[in-house]
Amino acid sequence: MLIGRCLCEAAHWTMEGDPGPVTACNCSLCRRYGALWAYDYEAGGEGRGDGGGRIGLHGPTRAFTRRGSGTPSLEIRFCPTCACVLCWRGLQVGQDGRRRMAVNVRLAPPEAVAHLPIDHFDGLDTFDDLPRDGRCVRDLWF
């Protein structure tokens, strides 16, 4: 199990199994946070659909719901004490009863995620996946 903790360790996320490649996005929000996202679905629980996901969110969090020209589709969850961005969470539950989530792998121990390949997503201009360039998380730590 992969665990990512905020700076003050009051909140954390867990992800079961291999997270697979992570995404670096250059949209106006992600580039400011400097997040690297690993995706899946929220694990079950009250108000969270019927489960089926591999991501759990634990401890106190607050939400920032991005407001733009359209209807918001996700919220950013962060620690109310140290303000570390833990994850984003879809505002809608899918037809299958699951809620999409992505965790910020920069909160995980570096040695646990260093080998993960990075997919680049152009969320600023084209909204397209970009070709892999061979870099992995360890290449962005320094």
N, C-alpha and C. Protein backbone atom coordinates (compact mmCIF):
# COMPACT_ATOMS: atom_id res chain seq x y z
N MET A 1 0.83 -1.18 0.00
CA MET A 1 0.00 0.00 0.00
C MET A 1 0.88 1.24 0.00
N LEU A 2 0.51 2.19 -0.82
CA LEU A 2 1.22 3.46 -0.90
C LEU A 2 0.49 4.46 0.00
N ILE A 3 1.26 5.25 0.74
CA ILE A 3 0.68 6.25 1.65
C ILE A 3 1.35 7.59 1.38
N GLY A 4 0.53 8.63 1.28
CA GLY A 4 1.03 9.99 1.14
C GLY A 4 0.53 10.84 2.29
N ARG A 5 1.44 11.46 3.00
CA ARG A 5 1.09 12.26 4.18
C ARG A 5 1.37 13.73 3.95
N CYS A 6 0.51 14.57 4.54
CA CYS A 6 0.74 16.01 4.50
C CYS A 6 1.93 16.34 5.40
N LEU A 7 2.38 17.56 5.38
CA LEU A 7 3.55 17.99 6.13
C LEU A 7 3.38 17.80 7.64
N CYS A 8 2.22 18.15 8.17
CA CYS A 8 2.00 18.03 9.62
C CYS A 8 1.51 16.63 10.02
N GLU A 9 1.27 15.77 9.04
CA GLU A 9 0.84 14.38 9.22
C GLU A 9 -0.55 14.23 9.85
N ALA A 10 -1.36 15.28 9.79
CA ALA A 10 -2.73 15.19 10.29
C ALA A 10 -3.64 14.48 9.29
N ALA A 11 -3.32 14.55 8.00
CA ALA A 11 -4.13 13.94 6.96
C ALA A 11 -3.24 13.11 6.05
N HIS A 12 -3.83 12.08 5.47
CA HIS A 12 -3.08 11.28 4.51
C HIS A 12 -4.03 10.55 3.57
N TRP A 13 -3.46 10.05 2.49
CA TRP A 13 -4.21 9.20 1.57
C TRP A 13 -3.51 7.85 1.49
N THR A 14 -4.29 6.85 1.11
CA THR A 14 -3.75 5.51 0.87
C THR A 14 -4.19 5.06 -0.52
N MET A 15 -3.33 4.27 -1.15
CA MET A 15 -3.67 3.70 -2.45
C MET A 15 -3.23 2.26 -2.46
N GLU A 16 -4.16 1.38 -2.70
CA GLU A 16 -3.87 -0.05 -2.77
C GLU A 16 -3.25 -0.39 -4.12
N GLY A 17 -2.25 -1.24 -4.11
CA GLY A 17 -1.68 -1.74 -5.36
C GLY A 17 -0.77 -0.75 -6.06
N ASP A 18 -0.37 -1.14 -7.26
CA ASP A 18 0.54 -0.35 -8.08
C ASP A 18 -0.20 0.86 -8.65
N PRO A 19 0.31 2.07 -8.41
CA PRO A 19 -0.38 3.25 -8.94
C PRO A 19 -0.23 3.42 -10.44
N GLY A 20 0.73 2.72 -11.05
CA GLY A 20 0.96 2.89 -12.48
C GLY A 20 1.63 4.23 -12.76
N PRO A 21 1.58 4.68 -14.01
CA PRO A 21 2.21 5.97 -14.34
C PRO A 21 1.47 7.11 -13.64
N VAL A 22 2.20 8.18 -13.40
CA VAL A 22 1.61 9.37 -12.79
C VAL A 22 1.56 10.47 -13.84
N THR A 23 0.70 11.45 -13.61
CA THR A 23 0.50 12.51 -14.59
C THR A 23 1.02 13.85 -14.08
N ALA A 24 1.79 14.50 -14.92
CA ALA A 24 2.20 15.89 -14.70
C ALA A 24 1.38 16.71 -15.69
N CYS A 25 0.58 17.62 -15.16
CA CYS A 25 -0.31 18.45 -15.98
C CYS A 25 0.16 19.89 -15.87
N ASN A 26 0.03 20.64 -16.97
CA ASN A 26 0.45 22.03 -16.97
C ASN A 26 -0.72 23.02 -16.94
N CYS A 27 -1.90 22.55 -16.53
CA CYS A 27 -3.04 23.46 -16.46
C CYS A 27 -2.77 24.53 -15.41
N SER A 28 -3.60 25.55 -15.37
CA SER A 28 -3.37 26.67 -14.46
C SER A 28 -3.38 26.25 -13.00
N LEU A 29 -4.11 25.21 -12.65
CA LEU A 29 -4.16 24.75 -11.27
C LEU A 29 -2.99 23.80 -10.95
N CYS A 30 -2.80 22.77 -11.73
CA CYS A 30 -1.77 21.76 -11.44
C CYS A 30 -0.36 22.33 -11.46
N ARG A 31 -0.08 23.22 -12.38
CA ARG A 31 1.28 23.78 -12.43
C ARG A 31 1.58 24.64 -11.21
N ARG A 32 0.56 25.26 -10.65
CA ARG A 32 0.77 26.05 -9.44
C ARG A 32 1.00 25.16 -8.23
N TYR A 33 0.29 24.05 -8.16
CA TYR A 33 0.46 23.13 -7.03
C TYR A 33 1.69 22.24 -7.19
N GLY A 34 2.16 22.03 -8.40
CA GLY A 34 3.31 21.17 -8.63
C GLY A 34 3.02 19.72 -8.35
N ALA A 35 1.77 19.33 -8.47
CA ALA A 35 1.36 17.96 -8.14
C ALA A 35 1.70 16.98 -9.24
N LEU A 36 1.90 15.73 -8.84
CA LEU A 36 1.98 14.59 -9.75
C LEU A 36 0.85 13.66 -9.34
N TRP A 37 -0.05 13.35 -10.27
CA TRP A 37 -1.29 12.66 -9.93
C TRP A 37 -1.26 11.18 -10.30
N ALA A 38 -1.71 10.35 -9.36
CA ALA A 38 -1.98 8.92 -9.60
C ALA A 38 -3.48 8.74 -9.47
N TYR A 39 -4.10 8.07 -10.43
CA TYR A 39 -5.56 8.01 -10.55
C TYR A 39 -6.15 6.67 -10.16
N ASP A 40 -7.33 6.73 -9.62
CA ASP A 40 -8.19 5.56 -9.44
C ASP A 40 -9.55 6.07 -8.97
N TYR A 41 -10.20 5.28 -8.14
CA TYR A 41 -11.51 5.64 -7.60
C TYR A 41 -11.47 5.60 -6.09
N GLU A 42 -12.35 6.38 -5.50
CA GLU A 42 -12.45 6.45 -4.05
C GLU A 42 -12.98 5.12 -3.51
N ALA A 43 -12.38 4.67 -2.42
CA ALA A 43 -12.87 3.47 -1.74
C ALA A 43 -14.23 3.79 -1.12
N GLY A 44 -15.00 2.77 -0.82
CA GLY A 44 -16.37 2.94 -0.30
C GLY A 44 -16.41 3.64 1.04
N GLY A 45 -17.58 4.05 1.40
CA GLY A 45 -17.81 4.74 2.66
C GLY A 45 -19.00 5.66 2.54
N GLU A 46 -19.40 6.22 3.62
CA GLU A 46 -20.56 7.08 3.64
C GLU A 46 -20.42 8.24 2.67
N GLY A 47 -21.40 8.39 1.78
CA GLY A 47 -21.40 9.48 0.81
C GLY A 47 -20.39 9.34 -0.30
N ARG A 48 -19.80 8.17 -0.45
CA ARG A 48 -18.73 7.99 -1.43
C ARG A 48 -19.06 6.95 -2.49
N GLY A 49 -20.31 6.76 -2.81
CA GLY A 49 -20.65 5.74 -3.79
C GLY A 49 -20.55 4.37 -3.15
N ASP A 50 -20.53 3.35 -3.98
CA ASP A 50 -20.49 1.99 -3.42
C ASP A 50 -19.10 1.40 -3.35
N GLY A 51 -18.09 2.23 -3.51
CA GLY A 51 -16.71 1.76 -3.38
C GLY A 51 -16.17 1.23 -4.68
N GLY A 52 -15.38 0.20 -4.57
CA GLY A 52 -14.75 -0.36 -5.75
C GLY A 52 -13.46 0.33 -6.11
N GLY A 53 -13.08 1.34 -5.34
CA GLY A 53 -11.85 2.06 -5.64
C GLY A 53 -10.72 1.67 -4.73
N ARG A 54 -9.53 2.18 -5.06
CA ARG A 54 -8.33 1.83 -4.31
C ARG A 54 -7.80 2.98 -3.47
N ILE A 55 -8.48 4.14 -3.48
CA ILE A 55 -7.97 5.31 -2.78
C ILE A 55 -8.81 5.62 -1.55
N GLY A 56 -8.13 5.80 -0.42
CA GLY A 56 -8.78 6.24 0.81
C GLY A 56 -8.20 7.57 1.25
N LEU A 57 -9.04 8.41 1.79
CA LEU A 57 -8.62 9.71 2.30
C LEU A 57 -8.90 9.71 3.80
N HIS A 58 -7.90 10.08 4.61
CA HIS A 58 -7.98 9.94 6.05
C HIS A 58 -7.55 11.23 6.74
N GLY A 59 -8.22 11.54 7.84
CA GLY A 59 -7.89 12.72 8.61
C GLY A 59 -8.68 13.93 8.13
N PRO A 60 -8.46 15.06 8.78
CA PRO A 60 -9.22 16.26 8.43
C PRO A 60 -8.75 16.84 7.10
N THR A 61 -9.70 17.20 6.26
CA THR A 61 -9.38 17.89 5.00
C THR A 61 -10.42 18.98 4.77
N ARG A 62 -10.04 19.90 3.96
CA ARG A 62 -10.96 20.93 3.47
C ARG A 62 -10.92 20.86 1.95
N ALA A 63 -11.91 21.49 1.35
CA ALA A 63 -12.01 21.43 -0.11
C ALA A 63 -12.00 22.82 -0.73
N PHE A 64 -11.35 22.89 -1.88
CA PHE A 64 -11.42 24.05 -2.75
C PHE A 64 -12.09 23.56 -4.02
N THR A 65 -13.22 24.14 -4.37
CA THR A 65 -13.90 23.78 -5.60
C THR A 65 -13.58 24.84 -6.64
N ARG A 66 -12.95 24.38 -7.67
CA ARG A 66 -12.52 25.30 -8.71
C ARG A 66 -13.72 25.86 -9.44
N ARG A 67 -13.78 27.16 -9.52
CA ARG A 67 -14.86 27.84 -10.25
C ARG A 67 -14.27 28.41 -11.53
N GLY A 68 -14.90 28.11 -12.62
CA GLY A 68 -14.44 28.64 -13.89
C GLY A 68 -15.64 29.03 -14.72
N SER A 69 -15.49 28.93 -16.01
CA SER A 69 -16.57 29.33 -16.90
C SER A 69 -17.69 28.29 -16.94
N GLY A 70 -17.38 27.06 -16.59
CA GLY A 70 -18.38 26.00 -16.62
C GLY A 70 -18.73 25.52 -15.22
N THR A 71 -19.48 24.45 -15.18
CA THR A 71 -19.86 23.84 -13.92
C THR A 71 -18.65 23.10 -13.35
N PRO A 72 -18.33 23.31 -12.08
CA PRO A 72 -17.18 22.61 -11.49
C PRO A 72 -17.37 21.10 -11.55
N SER A 73 -16.30 20.38 -11.84
CA SER A 73 -16.38 18.92 -11.91
C SER A 73 -15.54 18.24 -10.85
N LEU A 74 -14.68 19.00 -10.16
CA LEU A 74 -13.86 18.38 -9.13
C LEU A 74 -13.56 19.35 -8.01
N GLU A 75 -13.10 18.77 -6.91
CA GLU A 75 -12.67 19.58 -5.77
C GLU A 75 -11.24 19.17 -5.42
N ILE A 76 -10.49 20.12 -4.93
CA ILE A 76 -9.13 19.87 -4.46
C ILE A 76 -9.22 19.73 -2.95
N ARG A 77 -8.71 18.61 -2.41
CA ARG A 77 -8.73 18.37 -0.97
C ARG A 77 -7.34 18.70 -0.42
N PHE A 78 -7.31 19.45 0.68
CA PHE A 78 -6.04 19.84 1.28
C PHE A 78 -6.16 19.78 2.79
N CYS A 79 -5.01 19.73 3.47
CA CYS A 79 -4.97 19.71 4.92
C CYS A 79 -5.29 21.12 5.44
N PRO A 80 -6.24 21.25 6.38
CA PRO A 80 -6.57 22.58 6.90
C PRO A 80 -5.48 23.17 7.80
N THR A 81 -4.54 22.35 8.25
CA THR A 81 -3.47 22.84 9.13
C THR A 81 -2.25 23.30 8.34
N CYS A 82 -1.72 22.45 7.46
CA CYS A 82 -0.49 22.79 6.75
C CYS A 82 -0.70 23.13 5.28
N ALA A 83 -1.91 22.94 4.78
CA ALA A 83 -2.32 23.32 3.41
C ALA A 83 -1.73 22.46 2.30
N CYS A 84 -1.15 21.31 2.62
CA CYS A 84 -0.67 20.41 1.57
C CYS A 84 -1.85 19.89 0.75
N VAL A 85 -1.69 19.89 -0.57
CA VAL A 85 -2.72 19.36 -1.46
C VAL A 85 -2.60 17.84 -1.48
N LEU A 86 -3.64 17.16 -1.02
CA LEU A 86 -3.64 15.70 -0.93
C LEU A 86 -4.15 15.04 -2.21
N CYS A 87 -5.25 15.55 -2.75
CA CYS A 87 -5.88 14.87 -3.87
C CYS A 87 -6.88 15.78 -4.55
N TRP A 88 -7.38 15.32 -5.68
CA TRP A 88 -8.60 15.90 -6.22
C TRP A 88 -9.64 14.79 -6.24
N ARG A 89 -10.88 15.21 -6.20
CA ARG A 89 -11.99 14.26 -6.11
C ARG A 89 -13.11 14.76 -7.01
N GLY A 90 -13.65 13.87 -7.83
CA GLY A 90 -14.78 14.24 -8.68
C GLY A 90 -15.99 14.62 -7.84
N LEU A 91 -16.75 15.57 -8.30
CA LEU A 91 -17.94 15.99 -7.58
C LEU A 91 -19.14 15.09 -7.86
N GLN A 92 -19.09 14.37 -8.95
CA GLN A 92 -20.19 13.49 -9.33
C GLN A 92 -19.78 12.02 -9.20
N VAL A 93 -20.72 11.21 -8.77
CA VAL A 93 -20.53 9.77 -8.76
C VAL A 93 -20.95 9.25 -10.13
N GLY A 94 -20.13 8.37 -10.72
CA GLY A 94 -20.44 7.83 -12.03
C GLY A 94 -21.63 6.88 -12.01
N GLN A 95 -22.08 6.49 -13.17
CA GLN A 95 -23.20 5.56 -13.28
C GLN A 95 -22.90 4.23 -12.61
N ASP A 96 -21.63 3.90 -12.50
CA ASP A 96 -21.23 2.66 -11.85
C ASP A 96 -21.13 2.81 -10.33
N GLY A 97 -21.45 4.00 -9.80
CA GLY A 97 -21.43 4.24 -8.36
C GLY A 97 -20.06 4.60 -7.81
N ARG A 98 -19.09 4.79 -8.70
CA ARG A 98 -17.74 5.11 -8.24
C ARG A 98 -17.44 6.58 -8.46
N ARG A 99 -16.54 7.12 -7.62
CA ARG A 99 -16.12 8.52 -7.72
C ARG A 99 -14.64 8.55 -8.08
N ARG A 100 -14.31 9.23 -9.16
CA ARG A 100 -12.94 9.36 -9.64
C ARG A 100 -12.13 10.21 -8.68
N MET A 101 -10.89 9.80 -8.44
CA MET A 101 -9.97 10.55 -7.59
C MET A 101 -8.56 10.46 -8.16
N ALA A 102 -7.74 11.39 -7.74
CA ALA A 102 -6.31 11.33 -8.03
C ALA A 102 -5.57 11.83 -6.80
N VAL A 103 -4.53 11.12 -6.42
CA VAL A 103 -3.73 11.51 -5.26
C VAL A 103 -2.42 12.14 -5.72
N ASN A 104 -1.92 13.06 -4.90
CA ASN A 104 -0.68 13.75 -5.18
C ASN A 104 0.48 12.89 -4.68
N VAL A 105 1.17 12.21 -5.59
CA VAL A 105 2.24 11.29 -5.17
C VAL A 105 3.47 12.01 -4.63
N ARG A 106 3.53 13.32 -4.75
CA ARG A 106 4.64 14.05 -4.13
C ARG A 106 4.58 13.97 -2.61
N LEU A 107 3.46 13.53 -2.05
CA LEU A 107 3.34 13.37 -0.60
C LEU A 107 3.78 11.98 -0.13
N ALA A 108 4.06 11.09 -1.05
CA ALA A 108 4.53 9.74 -0.70
C ALA A 108 6.05 9.78 -0.47
N PRO A 109 6.58 8.79 0.24
CA PRO A 109 8.04 8.74 0.40
C PRO A 109 8.71 8.65 -0.97
N PRO A 110 9.74 9.44 -1.22
CA PRO A 110 10.38 9.45 -2.54
C PRO A 110 10.78 8.07 -3.04
N GLU A 111 11.31 7.24 -2.16
CA GLU A 111 11.76 5.91 -2.60
C GLU A 111 10.61 5.01 -3.03
N ALA A 112 9.40 5.30 -2.58
CA ALA A 112 8.24 4.47 -2.93
C ALA A 112 7.68 4.80 -4.31
N VAL A 113 7.97 6.00 -4.82
CA VAL A 113 7.40 6.41 -6.10
C VAL A 113 8.45 6.81 -7.14
N ALA A 114 9.72 6.76 -6.78
CA ALA A 114 10.80 7.24 -7.66
C ALA A 114 10.79 6.57 -9.03
N HIS A 115 10.40 5.31 -9.10
CA HIS A 115 10.45 4.54 -10.33
C HIS A 115 9.25 4.74 -11.25
N LEU A 116 8.21 5.42 -10.79
CA LEU A 116 6.98 5.55 -11.58
C LEU A 116 7.20 6.44 -12.79
N PRO A 117 6.79 5.96 -13.98
CA PRO A 117 6.91 6.79 -15.17
C PRO A 117 5.94 7.96 -15.12
N ILE A 118 6.33 9.04 -15.80
CA ILE A 118 5.50 10.25 -15.84
C ILE A 118 4.87 10.40 -17.21
N ASP A 119 3.56 10.56 -17.21
CA ASP A 119 2.82 10.94 -18.42
C ASP A 119 2.58 12.44 -18.33
N HIS A 120 2.76 13.12 -19.43
CA HIS A 120 2.54 14.57 -19.47
C HIS A 120 1.22 14.86 -20.16
N PHE A 121 0.46 15.77 -19.58
CA PHE A 121 -0.84 16.14 -20.11
C PHE A 121 -0.88 17.65 -20.30
N ASP A 122 -1.23 18.07 -21.50
CA ASP A 122 -1.32 19.49 -21.80
C ASP A 122 -2.72 19.99 -21.46
N GLY A 123 -2.91 20.31 -20.18
CA GLY A 123 -4.19 20.83 -19.72
C GLY A 123 -4.32 22.32 -19.91
N LEU A 124 -3.29 22.95 -20.40
CA LEU A 124 -3.30 24.41 -20.59
C LEU A 124 -3.81 24.80 -21.98
N ASP A 125 -3.32 24.11 -23.02
CA ASP A 125 -3.66 24.53 -24.38
C ASP A 125 -4.51 23.51 -25.14
N THR A 126 -3.98 22.31 -25.33
CA THR A 126 -4.64 21.37 -26.25
C THR A 126 -5.53 20.33 -25.58
N PHE A 127 -5.36 20.12 -24.28
CA PHE A 127 -6.08 19.08 -23.53
C PHE A 127 -5.77 17.70 -24.10
N ASP A 128 -4.53 17.50 -24.51
CA ASP A 128 -4.07 16.23 -25.09
C ASP A 128 -2.99 15.60 -24.22
N ASP A 129 -2.92 14.27 -24.28
CA ASP A 129 -1.79 13.56 -23.71
C ASP A 129 -0.59 13.80 -24.61
N LEU A 130 0.57 14.01 -24.00
CA LEU A 130 1.79 14.22 -24.76
C LEU A 130 2.61 12.93 -24.76
N PRO A 131 3.51 12.76 -25.73
CA PRO A 131 4.31 11.54 -25.77
C PRO A 131 5.19 11.42 -24.53
N ARG A 132 5.38 10.18 -24.08
CA ARG A 132 6.29 9.95 -22.95
C ARG A 132 7.71 10.30 -23.37
N ASP A 133 8.45 10.87 -22.43
CA ASP A 133 9.83 11.24 -22.74
C ASP A 133 10.84 10.41 -21.95
N GLY A 134 10.38 9.37 -21.29
CA GLY A 134 11.28 8.47 -20.57
C GLY A 134 11.57 8.88 -19.14
N ARG A 135 11.09 10.04 -18.71
CA ARG A 135 11.36 10.46 -17.34
C ARG A 135 10.44 9.75 -16.36
N CYS A 136 10.93 9.63 -15.14
CA CYS A 136 10.14 9.07 -14.05
C CYS A 136 10.21 10.06 -12.88
N VAL A 137 9.49 9.75 -11.82
CA VAL A 137 9.38 10.68 -10.69
C VAL A 137 10.75 11.08 -10.14
N ARG A 138 11.68 10.15 -10.06
CA ARG A 138 13.01 10.49 -9.51
C ARG A 138 13.67 11.62 -10.31
N ASP A 139 13.33 11.75 -11.58
CA ASP A 139 13.93 12.79 -12.41
C ASP A 139 13.41 14.19 -12.07
N LEU A 140 12.30 14.26 -11.35
CA LEU A 140 11.73 15.56 -11.00
C LEU A 140 11.98 15.95 -9.54
N TRP A 141 12.57 15.07 -8.77
CA TRP A 141 12.82 15.41 -7.35
C TRP A 141 13.89 16.47 -7.22
N PHE A 142 14.89 16.44 -8.13
CA PHE A 142 16.01 17.38 -8.01
C PHE A 142 16.17 18.19 -9.26
